Amino acid sequence: MITAPRCLLIDESLMVRRVGARIIRDFGYEVSEASTALEALDMARLSMPDVILMDWRAGEMEADAFMEALRREPGGEDVVVILCTADRRVERITQALAAGATEYIMKPFDSDIIESKLALAGLPTRSLPPPNTTLSAASELRSA
């Protein structure tokens, strides 16, 4: 049985979580939501997600502290973390990547941006084959 990849969405804004969840679900992911980083850390301990999409500040913990705690958890070192924030400063992006973020998305975001970041991280999307899957033009023509 093939299971859907799991995404944990962390943002204090219910609206951002709902929009992000709809986009991620459209890519075939099972989505969980948390409004704070501490809540998300508890959720990850119970069931480690494949990808986390999070705001820089989620409640009482900033993303760098969250990622440090996540990476210490069993399986946490393998989770793709995509930081999603309105902060456009180069030093913040550098800080996020140094802290362990895999990718960085600027708010506001849309499905194309999220899809491209998932693909860059080697994760599947509905319009792209999963990692390690190749499709040739000849095989596509044979199946048409």
Protein backbone atom coordinates (compact mmCIF):
# COMPACT_ATOMS: atom_id res chain seq x y z
CA MET A 1 0.00 0.00 0.00
CA ILE A 2 1.35 3.42 -0.98
CA THR A 3 1.01 6.04 1.72
CA ALA A 4 0.75 9.74 1.07
CA PRO A 5 3.72 11.86 2.11
CA ARG A 6 3.07 13.82 5.32
CA CYS A 7 3.38 17.59 5.75
CA LEU A 8 3.23 19.54 9.00
CA LEU A 9 2.23 23.18 8.49
CA ILE A 10 3.23 25.62 11.26
CA ASP A 11 1.92 29.19 11.32
CA GLU A 12 0.13 31.33 13.89
CA SER A 13 -2.29 32.51 11.21
CA LEU A 14 -5.24 30.20 10.67
CA MET A 15 -5.75 31.69 7.21
CA VAL A 16 -2.15 30.94 6.14
CA ARG A 17 -2.47 27.39 7.48
CA ARG A 18 -5.75 26.81 5.63
CA VAL A 19 -4.45 28.17 2.30
CA GLY A 20 -1.18 26.25 2.65
CA ALA A 21 -3.00 23.04 3.65
CA ARG A 22 -5.28 23.24 0.61
CA ILE A 23 -2.29 23.67 -1.72
CA ILE A 24 -0.30 20.86 -0.12
CA ARG A 25 -3.31 18.49 -0.13
CA ASP A 26 -3.72 19.16 -3.85
CA PHE A 27 -0.20 17.71 -4.27
CA GLY A 28 -1.30 14.46 -2.62
CA TYR A 29 0.01 15.10 0.89
CA GLU A 30 -1.59 14.30 4.22
CA VAL A 31 -1.50 17.61 6.14
CA SER A 32 -1.41 18.36 9.86
CA GLU A 33 -1.51 21.89 11.24
CA ALA A 34 0.02 23.53 14.30
CA SER A 35 -0.24 27.14 15.43
CA THR A 36 2.97 27.07 17.51
CA ALA A 37 6.39 25.50 17.17
CA LEU A 38 6.05 23.73 20.53
CA GLU A 39 2.76 22.15 19.44
CA ALA A 40 4.42 21.12 16.17
CA LEU A 41 7.39 19.57 17.97
CA ASP A 42 5.01 17.45 20.05
CA MET A 43 3.17 16.39 16.88
CA ALA A 44 6.45 15.53 15.12
CA ARG A 45 7.51 13.35 18.06
CA LEU A 46 4.33 11.32 17.64
CA SER A 47 4.56 11.03 13.85
CA MET A 48 7.57 12.50 12.06
CA PRO A 49 6.45 14.27 8.84
CA ASP A 50 8.26 14.15 5.52
CA VAL A 51 8.17 17.92 5.14
CA ILE A 52 7.51 20.89 7.40
CA LEU A 53 6.34 24.23 6.04
CA MET A 54 6.76 26.86 8.75
CA ASP A 55 6.79 30.56 9.49
CA TRP A 56 9.96 32.04 11.05
CA ARG A 57 8.14 32.81 14.27
CA ALA A 58 5.49 30.40 15.45
CA GLY A 59 4.46 31.19 19.00
CA GLU A 60 7.17 31.21 21.62
CA MET A 61 9.89 29.63 19.48
CA GLU A 62 11.63 30.89 16.35
CA ALA A 63 12.45 28.62 13.43
CA ASP A 64 16.15 28.24 14.22
CA ALA A 65 15.41 26.94 17.74
CA PHE A 66 12.64 24.70 16.37
CA MET A 67 14.93 23.19 13.73
CA GLU A 68 17.66 22.58 16.30
CA ALA A 69 15.17 20.71 18.52
CA LEU A 70 13.68 18.85 15.54
CA ARG A 71 17.07 17.66 14.29
CA ARG A 72 17.77 16.09 17.72
CA GLU A 73 14.63 13.93 17.50
CA PRO A 74 14.79 10.41 16.01
CA GLY A 75 14.12 10.85 12.27
CA GLY A 76 14.16 14.63 12.60
CA GLU A 77 17.42 14.98 10.70
CA ASP A 78 15.72 13.67 7.54
CA VAL A 79 12.75 16.06 7.50
CA VAL A 80 12.65 18.67 4.76
CA VAL A 81 11.98 22.07 6.35
CA ILE A 82 10.70 24.87 4.13
CA LEU A 83 10.66 28.23 5.85
CA CYS A 84 7.80 30.46 4.76
CA THR A 85 7.99 34.09 5.84
CA ALA A 86 7.51 37.68 4.75
CA ASP A 87 11.02 38.57 5.94
CA ARG A 88 12.99 39.27 2.76
CA ARG A 89 16.33 40.18 4.37
CA VAL A 90 19.27 38.24 2.94
CA GLU A 91 20.73 37.77 6.42
CA ARG A 92 17.47 36.12 7.59
CA ILE A 93 17.51 33.74 4.63
CA THR A 94 21.17 32.91 5.35
CA GLN A 95 20.34 32.39 9.04
CA ALA A 96 17.46 30.06 8.17
CA LEU A 97 19.55 27.93 5.82
CA ALA A 98 22.41 27.79 8.33
CA ALA A 99 19.94 26.66 11.01
CA GLY A 100 18.85 23.72 8.89
CA ALA A 101 16.10 24.92 6.57
CA THR A 102 16.09 23.08 3.26
CA GLU A 103 14.32 25.83 1.31
CA TYR A 104 12.91 29.32 1.83
CA ILE A 105 9.59 30.72 0.53
CA MET A 106 8.50 34.34 0.64
CA LYS A 107 4.94 35.22 1.63
CA PRO A 108 2.61 35.58 -0.07
CA PHE A 109 3.02 32.21 -1.74
CA ASP A 110 1.05 30.24 -4.30
CA SER A 111 0.87 26.65 -5.50
CA ASP A 112 3.55 27.13 -8.16
CA ILE A 113 6.06 28.38 -5.60
CA ILE A 114 5.34 25.55 -3.16
CA GLU A 115 5.45 22.98 -5.96
CA SER A 116 8.84 24.23 -7.14
CA LYS A 117 10.29 24.12 -3.61
CA LEU A 118 8.97 20.60 -3.02
CA ALA A 119 10.53 19.51 -6.31
CA LEU A 120 13.86 21.18 -5.47
CA ALA A 121 13.85 19.26 -2.18
CA GLY A 122 13.27 15.99 -4.07
CA LEU A 123 9.69 15.54 -2.87
CA PRO A 124 6.78 14.47 -5.08
CA THR A 125 4.09 16.78 -6.41
CA ARG A 126 1.05 15.89 -8.47
CA SER A 127 2.56 17.14 -11.70
CA LEU A 128 6.08 15.86 -11.16
CA PRO A 129 7.16 12.24 -10.82
CA PRO A 130 8.38 11.16 -7.38
CA PRO A 131 12.15 11.19 -6.77
CA ASN A 132 14.12 8.43 -8.54
CA THR A 133 11.39 8.08 -11.17
CA THR A 134 12.27 8.94 -14.73
CA LEU A 135 9.92 9.27 -17.64
CA SER A 136 11.18 9.29 -21.16
CA ALA A 137 9.34 10.77 -24.11
CA ALA A 138 9.16 7.31 -25.67
CA SER A 139 7.52 5.73 -22.62
CA GLU A 140 5.04 8.60 -22.43
CA LEU A 141 4.10 8.10 -26.10
CA ARG A 142 3.66 4.33 -25.61
CA SER A 143 1.25 4.88 -22.74
CA ALA A 144 -0.78 7.53 -24.61
